[in-house]
Amino acid sequence: MSTTTSAPTEPICPAPDVPAVLRGTDRATGTTGTWHLRAVPTDGATCSWVVEHVGGHIMSEAVWMQTHRDVDVVDQAHVLALLARVDPCC
């Protein structure tokens, strides 16, 4: 028996001060990475997202704070696409 999971389609807009951490392999590039995702409410029920990314698995918050990160501000569709293409690991 096989089960299929898909990315959530409902709005994801948690409290803006609660970051989500995603670690895994990006199937589009084959690289491993760590992403911190933080919602930033805009107007109404929508939100923008601050997405911070580092290549490799960063397990320590102290190391994360000292690591050079790529930072983007994206819309919810981008975050849902990221969640759909990253195979989480740990």
PDB file of N, CA and C in Angstrom:
ATOM      1  N   MET A   1       0.840  -1.177   0.000  1.00  0.00           N
ATOM      2  CA  MET A   1       0.000   0.000   0.000  1.00  0.00           C
ATOM      3  C   MET A   1       0.886   1.242   0.000  1.00  0.00           C
ATOM      4  N   SER A   2       0.596   2.156  -0.853  1.00  0.00           N
ATOM      5  CA  SER A   2       1.405   3.357  -1.008  1.00  0.00           C
ATOM      6  C   SER A   2       0.612   4.578  -0.561  1.00  0.00           C
ATOM      7  N   THR A   3       1.292   5.494   0.105  1.00  0.00           N
ATOM      8  CA  THR A   3       0.639   6.739   0.483  1.00  0.00           C
ATOM      9  C   THR A   3       1.399   7.885  -0.159  1.00  0.00           C
ATOM     10  N   THR A   4       0.670   8.890  -0.546  1.00  0.00           N
ATOM     11  CA  THR A   4       1.274  10.057  -1.164  1.00  0.00           C
ATOM     12  C   THR A   4       0.998  11.260  -0.294  1.00  0.00           C
ATOM     13  N   THR A   5       2.018  12.035  -0.019  1.00  0.00           N
ATOM     14  CA  THR A   5       1.820  13.265   0.729  1.00  0.00           C
ATOM     15  C   THR A   5       2.101  14.419  -0.204  1.00  0.00           C
ATOM     16  N   SER A   6       1.435  15.517   0.056  1.00  0.00           N
ATOM     17  CA  SER A   6       1.658  16.697  -0.767  1.00  0.00           C
ATOM     18  C   SER A   6       1.837  17.903   0.134  1.00  0.00           C
ATOM     19  N   ALA A   7       2.345  18.961  -0.446  1.00  0.00           N
ATOM     20  CA  ALA A   7       2.542  20.192   0.301  1.00  0.00           C
ATOM     21  C   ALA A   7       1.189  20.765   0.701  1.00  0.00           C
ATOM     22  N   PRO A   8       1.124  21.409   1.858  1.00  0.00           N
ATOM     23  CA  PRO A   8      -0.136  22.002   2.277  1.00  0.00           C
ATOM     24  C   PRO A   8      -0.575  23.082   1.307  1.00  0.00           C
ATOM     25  N   THR A   9      -1.895  23.204   1.143  1.00  0.00           N
ATOM     26  CA  THR A   9      -2.414  24.222   0.237  1.00  0.00           C
ATOM     27  C   THR A   9      -3.119  25.338   0.996  1.00  0.00           C
ATOM     28  N   GLU A  10      -3.379  25.150   2.276  1.00  0.00           N
ATOM     29  CA  GLU A  10      -4.006  26.197   3.068  1.00  0.00           C
ATOM     30  C   GLU A  10      -2.959  27.227   3.442  1.00  0.00           C
ATOM     31  N   PRO A  11      -3.399  28.462   3.729  1.00  0.00           N
ATOM     32  CA  PRO A  11      -2.429  29.492   4.105  1.00  0.00           C
ATOM     33  C   PRO A  11      -1.609  29.068   5.314  1.00  0.00           C
ATOM     34  N   ILE A  12      -0.326  29.345   5.252  1.00  0.00           N
ATOM     35  CA  ILE A  12       0.574  29.092   6.370  1.00  0.00           C
ATOM     36  C   ILE A  12       1.061  30.456   6.836  1.00  0.00           C
ATOM     37  N   CYS A  13       0.574  30.906   7.941  1.00  0.00           N
ATOM     38  CA  CYS A  13       1.018  32.206   8.442  1.00  0.00           C
ATOM     39  C   CYS A  13       1.078  32.155   9.966  1.00  0.00           C
ATOM     40  N   PRO A  14       2.101  31.462  10.511  1.00  0.00           N
ATOM     41  CA  PRO A  14       2.226  31.391  11.967  1.00  0.00           C
ATOM     42  C   PRO A  14       2.651  32.738  12.537  1.00  0.00           C
ATOM     43  N   ALA A  15       2.734  32.794  13.840  1.00  0.00           N
ATOM     44  CA  ALA A  15       3.206  34.019  14.480  1.00  0.00           C
ATOM     45  C   ALA A  15       4.553  34.411  13.871  1.00  0.00           C
ATOM     46  N   PRO A  16       4.762  35.700  13.579  1.00  0.00           N
ATOM     47  CA  PRO A  16       5.967  36.120  12.873  1.00  0.00           C
ATOM     48  C   PRO A  16       7.264  35.889  13.635  1.00  0.00           C
ATOM     49  N   ASP A  17       7.193  35.667  14.939  1.00  0.00           N
ATOM     50  CA  ASP A  17       8.422  35.484  15.704  1.00  0.00           C
ATOM     51  C   ASP A  17       8.746  34.013  15.956  1.00  0.00           C
ATOM     52  N   VAL A  18       8.048  33.105  15.273  1.00  0.00           N
ATOM     53  CA  VAL A  18       8.299  31.673  15.434  1.00  0.00           C
ATOM     54  C   VAL A  18       8.868  31.124  14.129  1.00  0.00           C
ATOM     55  N   PRO A  19      10.211  30.975  14.039  1.00  0.00           N
ATOM     56  CA  PRO A  19      10.787  30.455  12.804  1.00  0.00           C
ATOM     57  C   PRO A  19      10.594  28.952  12.686  1.00  0.00           C
ATOM     58  N   ALA A  20      10.391  28.500  11.478  1.00  0.00           N
ATOM     59  CA  ALA A  20      10.352  27.063  11.193  1.00  0.00           C
ATOM     60  C   ALA A  20      11.708  26.692  10.607  1.00  0.00           C
ATOM     61  N   VAL A  21      12.207  25.538  10.950  1.00  0.00           N
ATOM     62  CA  VAL A  21      13.499  25.082  10.443  1.00  0.00           C
ATOM     63  C   VAL A  21      13.270  23.864   9.561  1.00  0.00           C
ATOM     64  N   LEU A  22      13.851  23.878   8.382  1.00  0.00           N
ATOM     65  CA  LEU A  22      13.757  22.775   7.441  1.00  0.00           C
ATOM     66  C   LEU A  22      15.174  22.338   7.100  1.00  0.00           C
ATOM     67  N   ARG A  23      15.446  21.058   7.274  1.00  0.00           N
ATOM     68  CA  ARG A  23      16.743  20.494   6.902  1.00  0.00           C
ATOM     69  C   ARG A  23      16.486  19.333   5.967  1.00  0.00           C
ATOM     70  N   GLY A  24      17.238  19.252   4.882  1.00  0.00           N
ATOM     71  CA  GLY A  24      17.040  18.145   3.973  1.00  0.00           C
ATOM     72  C   GLY A  24      17.751  18.331   2.666  1.00  0.00           C
ATOM     73  N   THR A  25      17.336  17.518   1.688  1.00  0.00           N
ATOM     74  CA  THR A  25      17.934  17.550   0.366  1.00  0.00           C
ATOM     75  C   THR A  25      16.956  18.170  -0.619  1.00  0.00           C
ATOM     76  N   ASP A  26      17.423  19.161  -1.331  1.00  0.00           N
ATOM     77  CA  ASP A  26      16.621  19.821  -2.365  1.00  0.00           C
ATOM     78  C   ASP A  26      16.674  18.931  -3.606  1.00  0.00           C
ATOM     79  N   ARG A  27      15.540  18.354  -3.976  1.00  0.00           N
ATOM     80  CA  ARG A  27      15.513  17.452  -5.126  1.00  0.00           C
ATOM     81  C   ARG A  27      15.830  18.174  -6.437  1.00  0.00           C
ATOM     82  N   ALA A  28      15.613  19.481  -6.500  1.00  0.00           N
ATOM     83  CA  ALA A  28      15.882  20.233  -7.729  1.00  0.00           C
ATOM     84  C   ALA A  28      17.384  20.373  -7.982  1.00  0.00           C
ATOM     85  N   THR A  29      18.171  20.459  -6.912  1.00  0.00           N
ATOM     86  CA  THR A  29      19.611  20.674  -7.073  1.00  0.00           C
ATOM     87  C   THR A  29      20.450  19.499  -6.587  1.00  0.00           C
ATOM     88  N   GLY A  30      19.856  18.627  -5.782  1.00  0.00           N
ATOM     89  CA  GLY A  30      20.590  17.500  -5.219  1.00  0.00           C
ATOM     90  C   GLY A  30      21.474  17.881  -4.040  1.00  0.00           C
ATOM     91  N   THR A  31      21.367  19.100  -3.566  1.00  0.00           N
ATOM     92  CA  THR A  31      22.203  19.558  -2.457  1.00  0.00           C
ATOM     93  C   THR A  31      21.442  19.512  -1.145  1.00  0.00           C
ATOM     94  N   THR A  32      22.200  19.347  -0.060  1.00  0.00           N
ATOM     95  CA  THR A  32      21.582  19.396   1.263  1.00  0.00           C
ATOM     96  C   THR A  32      21.634  20.824   1.769  1.00  0.00           C
ATOM     97  N   GLY A  33      20.701  21.134   2.653  1.00  0.00           N
ATOM     98  CA  GLY A  33      20.672  22.489   3.169  1.00  0.00           C
ATOM     99  C   GLY A  33      19.847  22.614   4.427  1.00  0.00           C
ATOM    100  N   THR A  34      19.948  23.776   5.032  1.00  0.00           N
ATOM    101  CA  THR A  34      19.147  24.147   6.185  1.00  0.00           C
ATOM    102  C   THR A  34      18.468  25.460   5.833  1.00  0.00           C
ATOM    103  N   TRP A  35      17.174  25.517   6.059  1.00  0.00           N
ATOM    104  CA  TRP A  35      16.390  26.720   5.799  1.00  0.00           C
ATOM    105  C   TRP A  35      15.678  27.131   7.071  1.00  0.00           C
ATOM    106  N   HIS A  36      15.693  28.406   7.370  1.00  0.00           N
ATOM    107  CA  HIS A  36      14.854  28.966   8.430  1.00  0.00           C
ATOM    108  C   HIS A  36      13.782  29.785   7.725  1.00  0.00           C
ATOM    109  N   LEU A  37      12.532  29.516   8.051  1.00  0.00           N
ATOM    110  CA  LEU A  37      11.387  30.169   7.409  1.00  0.00           C
ATOM    111  C   LEU A  37      10.634  30.969   8.464  1.00  0.00           C
ATOM    112  N   ARG A  38      10.426  32.241   8.203  1.00  0.00           N
ATOM    113  CA  ARG A  38       9.711  33.084   9.160  1.00  0.00           C
ATOM    114  C   ARG A  38       8.658  33.903   8.422  1.00  0.00           C
ATOM    115  N   ALA A  39       7.420  33.750   8.848  1.00  0.00           N
ATOM    116  CA  ALA A  39       6.324  34.495   8.232  1.00  0.00           C
ATOM    117  C   ALA A  39       6.323  35.932   8.732  1.00  0.00           C
ATOM    118  N   VAL A  40       6.036  36.841   7.797  1.00  0.00           N
ATOM    119  CA  VAL A  40       5.917  38.252   8.122  1.00  0.00           C
ATOM    120  C   VAL A  40       4.540  38.693   7.631  1.00  0.00           C
ATOM    121  N   PRO A  41       3.584  38.901   8.543  1.00  0.00           N
ATOM    122  CA  PRO A  41       2.238  39.279   8.114  1.00  0.00           C
ATOM    123  C   PRO A  41       2.253  40.573   7.301  1.00  0.00           C
ATOM    124  N   THR A  42       1.432  40.568   6.271  1.00  0.00           N
ATOM    125  CA  THR A  42       1.268  41.786   5.479  1.00  0.00           C
ATOM    126  C   THR A  42      -0.185  42.230   5.647  1.00  0.00           C
ATOM    127  N   ASP A  43      -0.918  42.362   4.593  1.00  0.00           N
ATOM    128  CA  ASP A  43      -2.300  42.791   4.718  1.00  0.00           C
ATOM    129  C   ASP A  43      -3.237  41.585   4.791  1.00  0.00           C
ATOM    130  N   GLY A  44      -4.228  41.670   5.627  1.00  0.00           N
ATOM    131  CA  GLY A  44      -5.218  40.596   5.723  1.00  0.00           C
ATOM    132  C   GLY A  44      -4.612  39.282   6.171  1.00  0.00           C
ATOM    133  N   ALA A  45      -4.988  38.195   5.499  1.00  0.00           N
ATOM    134  CA  ALA A  45      -4.547  36.851   5.877  1.00  0.00           C
ATOM    135  C   ALA A  45      -3.277  36.428   5.148  1.00  0.00           C
ATOM    136  N   THR A  46      -2.757  37.280   4.282  1.00  0.00           N
ATOM    137  CA  THR A  46      -1.561  36.904   3.532  1.00  0.00           C
ATOM    138  C   THR A  46      -0.309  37.236   4.329  1.00  0.00           C
ATOM    139  N   CYS A  47       0.787  36.678   3.908  1.00  0.00           N
ATOM    140  CA  CYS A  47       2.055  37.010   4.547  1.00  0.00           C
ATOM    141  C   CYS A  47       3.184  36.818   3.552  1.00  0.00           C
ATOM    142  N   SER A  48       4.247  37.522   3.806  1.00  0.00           N
ATOM    143  CA  SER A  48       5.500  37.297   3.090  1.00  0.00           C
ATOM    144  C   SER A  48       6.339  36.415   3.984  1.00  0.00           C
ATOM    145  N   TRP A  49       7.400  35.867   3.421  1.00  0.00           N
ATOM    146  CA  TRP A  49       8.268  34.978   4.184  1.00  0.00           C
ATOM    147  C   TRP A  49       9.708  35.403   4.051  1.00  0.00           C
ATOM    148  N   VAL A  50      10.428  35.419   5.157  1.00  0.00           N
ATOM    149  CA  VAL A  50      11.870  35.584   5.149  1.00  0.00           C
ATOM    150  C   VAL A  50      12.437  34.166   5.142  1.00  0.00           C
ATOM    151  N   VAL A  51      13.192  33.846   4.111  1.00  0.00           N
ATOM    152  CA  VAL A  51      13.785  32.514   3.968  1.00  0.00           C
ATOM    153  C   VAL A  51      15.296  32.671   4.024  1.00  0.00           C
ATOM    154  N   GLU A  52      15.897  32.065   5.057  1.00  0.00           N
ATOM    155  CA  GLU A  52      17.346  32.068   5.204  1.00  0.00           C
ATOM    156  C   GLU A  52      17.842  30.663   4.854  1.00  0.00           C
ATOM    157  N   HIS A  53      18.905  30.574   4.069  1.00  0.00           N
ATOM    158  CA  HIS A  53      19.390  29.278   3.603  1.00  0.00           C
ATOM    159  C   HIS A  53      20.897  29.162   3.769  1.00  0.00           C
ATOM    160  N   VAL A  54      21.324  27.974   4.196  1.00  0.00           N
ATOM    161  CA  VAL A  54      22.737  27.620   4.296  1.00  0.00           C
ATOM    162  C   VAL A  54      22.905  26.242   3.689  1.00  0.00           C
ATOM    163  N   GLY A  55      23.948  26.052   2.906  1.00  0.00           N
ATOM    164  CA  GLY A  55      24.259  24.723   2.402  1.00  0.00           C
ATOM    165  C   GLY A  55      24.741  23.837   3.542  1.00  0.00           C
ATOM    166  N   GLY A  56      24.274  22.597   3.574  1.00  0.00           N
ATOM    167  CA  GLY A  56      24.656  21.665   4.633  1.00  0.00           C
ATOM    168  C   GLY A  56      23.667  21.677   5.784  1.00  0.00           C
ATOM    169  N   HIS A  57      23.868  20.762   6.701  1.00  0.00           N
ATOM    170  CA  HIS A  57      22.974  20.632   7.853  1.00  0.00           C
ATOM    171  C   HIS A  57      23.557  21.378   9.039  1.00  0.00           C
ATOM    172  N   ILE A  58      22.864  22.386   9.489  1.00  0.00           N
ATOM    173  CA  ILE A  58      23.272  23.145  10.666  1.00  0.00           C
ATOM    174  C   ILE A  58      22.331  22.745  11.798  1.00  0.00           C
ATOM    175  N   MET A  59      22.870  22.052  12.786  1.00  0.00           N
ATOM    176  CA  MET A  59      22.050  21.549  13.888  1.00  0.00           C
ATOM    177  C   MET A  59      22.114  22.448  15.117  1.00  0.00           C
ATOM    178  N   SER A  60      23.129  23.269  15.221  1.00  0.00           N
ATOM    179  CA  SER A  60      23.345  24.098  16.400  1.00  0.00           C
ATOM    180  C   SER A  60      22.910  25.537  16.128  1.00  0.00           C
ATOM    181  N   GLU A  61      22.123  26.096  17.030  1.00  0.00           N
ATOM    182  CA  GLU A  61      21.692  27.495  16.889  1.00  0.00           C
ATOM    183  C   GLU A  61      22.904  28.432  16.962  1.00  0.00           C
ATOM    184  N   ALA A  62      23.890  28.093  17.785  1.00  0.00           N
ATOM    185  CA  ALA A  62      25.102  28.925  17.892  1.00  0.00           C
ATOM    186  C   ALA A  62      25.860  28.953  16.565  1.00  0.00           C
ATOM    187  N   VAL A  63      25.966  27.811  15.908  1.00  0.00           N
ATOM    188  CA  VAL A  63      26.628  27.755  14.601  1.00  0.00           C
ATOM    189  C   VAL A  63      25.805  28.517  13.572  1.00  0.00           C
ATOM    190  N   TRP A  64      24.479  28.350  13.605  1.00  0.00           N
ATOM    191  CA  TRP A  64      23.598  29.059  12.670  1.00  0.00           C
ATOM    192  C   TRP A  64      23.811  30.571  12.764  1.00  0.00           C
ATOM    193  N   MET A  65      23.905  31.087  13.973  1.00  0.00           N
ATOM    194  CA  MET A  65      24.044  32.530  14.166  1.00  0.00           C
ATOM    195  C   MET A  65      25.377  33.058  13.617  1.00  0.00           C
ATOM    196  N   GLN A  66      26.375  32.205  13.467  1.00  0.00           N
ATOM    197  CA  GLN A  66      27.687  32.633  12.995  1.00  0.00           C
ATOM    198  C   GLN A  66      27.932  32.307  11.523  1.00  0.00           C
ATOM    199  N   THR A  67      26.966  31.665  10.885  1.00  0.00           N
ATOM    200  CA  THR A  67      27.125  31.213   9.505  1.00  0.00           C
ATOM    201  C   THR A  67      26.604  32.261   8.533  1.00  0.00           C
ATOM    202  N   HIS A  68      27.326  32.447   7.427  1.00  0.00           N
ATOM    203  CA  HIS A  68      26.838  33.328   6.361  1.00  0.00           C
ATOM    204  C   HIS A  68      25.627  32.667   5.713  1.00  0.00           C
ATOM    205  N   ARG A  69      24.516  33.392   5.628  1.00  0.00           N
ATOM    206  CA  ARG A  69      23.274  32.848   5.088  1.00  0.00           C
ATOM    207  C   ARG A  69      22.824  33.662   3.877  1.00  0.00           C
ATOM    208  N   ASP A  70      22.195  32.969   2.931  1.00  0.00           N
ATOM    209  CA  ASP A  70      21.493  33.647   1.846  1.00  0.00           C
ATOM    210  C   ASP A  70      20.097  33.965   2.367  1.00  0.00           C
ATOM    211  N   VAL A  71      19.654  35.194   2.173  1.00  0.00           N
ATOM    212  CA  VAL A  71      18.354  35.618   2.688  1.00  0.00           C
ATOM    213  C   VAL A  71      17.506  36.156   1.548  1.00  0.00           C
ATOM    214  N   ASP A  72      16.266  35.669   1.472  1.00  0.00           N
ATOM    215  CA  ASP A  72      15.298  36.156   0.484  1.00  0.00           C
ATOM    216  C   ASP A  72      13.980  36.434   1.180  1.00  0.00           C
ATOM    217  N   VAL A  73      13.228  37.368   0.637  1.00  0.00           N
ATOM    218  CA  VAL A  73      11.843  37.586   1.063  1.00  0.00           C
ATOM    219  C   VAL A  73      10.982  37.114  -0.098  1.00  0.00           C
ATOM    220  N   VAL A  74      10.101  36.146   0.191  1.00  0.00           N
ATOM    221  CA  VAL A  74       9.322  35.501  -0.865  1.00  0.00           C
ATOM    222  C   VAL A  74       7.854  35.441  -0.480  1.00  0.00           C
ATOM    223  N   ASP A  75       7.038  35.039  -1.437  1.00  0.00           N
ATOM    224  CA  ASP A  75       5.614  34.866  -1.150  1.00  0.00           C
ATOM    225  C   ASP A  75       5.342  33.424  -0.712  1.00  0.00           C
ATOM    226  N   GLN A  76       4.106  33.201  -0.325  1.00  0.00           N
ATOM    227  CA  GLN A  76       3.730  31.891   0.189  1.00  0.00           C
ATOM    228  C   GLN A  76       3.870  30.787  -0.848  1.00  0.00           C
ATOM    229  N   ALA A  77       3.617  31.085  -2.110  1.00  0.00           N
ATOM    230  CA  ALA A  77       3.746  30.075  -3.162  1.00  0.00           C
ATOM    231  C   ALA A  77       5.184  29.549  -3.234  1.00  0.00           C
ATOM    232  N   HIS A  78       6.156  30.430  -3.052  1.00  0.00           N
ATOM    233  CA  HIS A  78       7.565  30.021  -3.068  1.00  0.00           C
ATOM    234  C   HIS A  78       7.868  29.085  -1.892  1.00  0.00           C
ATOM    235  N   VAL A  79       7.333  29.410  -0.724  1.00  0.00           N
ATOM    236  CA  VAL A  79       7.556  28.573   0.462  1.00  0.00           C
ATOM    237  C   VAL A  79       6.915  27.201   0.273  1.00  0.00           C
ATOM    238  N   LEU A  80       5.707  27.168  -0.270  1.00  0.00           N
ATOM    239  CA  LEU A  80       5.040  25.880  -0.515  1.00  0.00           C
ATOM    240  C   LEU A  80       5.829  25.044  -1.520  1.00  0.00           C
ATOM    241  N   ALA A  81       6.385  25.694  -2.541  1.00  0.00           N
ATOM    242  CA  ALA A  81       7.199  24.967  -3.524  1.00  0.00           C
ATOM    243  C   ALA A  81       8.469  24.426  -2.874  1.00  0.00           C
ATOM    244  N   LEU A  82       9.080  25.210  -1.994  1.00  0.00           N
ATOM    245  CA  LEU A  82      10.271  24.753  -1.279  1.00  0.00           C
ATOM    246  C   LEU A  82       9.943  23.538  -0.420  1.00  0.00           C
ATOM    247  N   LEU A  83       8.855  23.612   0.331  1.00  0.00           N
ATOM    248  CA  LEU A  83       8.443  22.493   1.184  1.00  0.00           C
ATOM    249  C   LEU A  83       8.164  21.245   0.359  1.00  0.00           C
ATOM    250  N   ALA A  84       7.629  21.424  -0.842  1.00  0.00           N
ATOM    251  CA  ALA A  84       7.293  20.279  -1.695  1.00  0.00           C
ATOM    252  C   ALA A  84       8.537  19.621  -2.293  1.00  0.00           C
ATOM    253  N   ARG A  85       9.605  20.391  -2.522  1.00  0.00           N
ATOM    254  CA  ARG A  85      10.763  19.809  -3.207  1.00  0.00           C
ATOM    255  C   ARG A  85      11.904  19.387  -2.283  1.00  0.00           C
ATOM    256  N   VAL A  86      11.843  19.742  -1.006  1.00  0.00           N
ATOM    257  CA  VAL A  86      12.907  19.354  -0.074  1.00  0.00           C
ATOM    258  C   VAL A  86      12.492  18.088   0.671  1.00  0.00           C
ATOM    259  N   ASP A  87      13.345  17.071   0.598  1.00  0.00           N
ATOM    260  CA  ASP A  87      13.138  15.843   1.372  1.00  0.00           C
ATOM    261  C   ASP A  87      13.742  16.078   2.749  1.00  0.00           C
ATOM    262  N   PRO A  88      12.892  16.249   3.788  1.00  0.00           N
ATOM    263  CA  PRO A  88      13.430  16.523   5.121  1.00  0.00           C
ATOM    264  C   PRO A  88      14.227  15.347   5.670  1.00  0.00           C
ATOM    265  N   CYS A  89      15.191  15.657   6.493  1.00  0.00           N
ATOM    266  CA  CYS A  89      16.035  14.582   7.026  1.00  0.00           C
ATOM    267  C   CYS A  89      16.063  14.531   8.540  1.00  0.00           C
ATOM    268  N   CYS A  90      16.274  15.651   9.206  1.00  0.00           N
ATOM    269  CA  CYS A  90      16.525  15.575  10.648  1.00  0.00           C
ATOM    270  C   CYS A  90      16.081  16.836  11.359  1.00  0.00           C
TER     271      CYS A  90
END
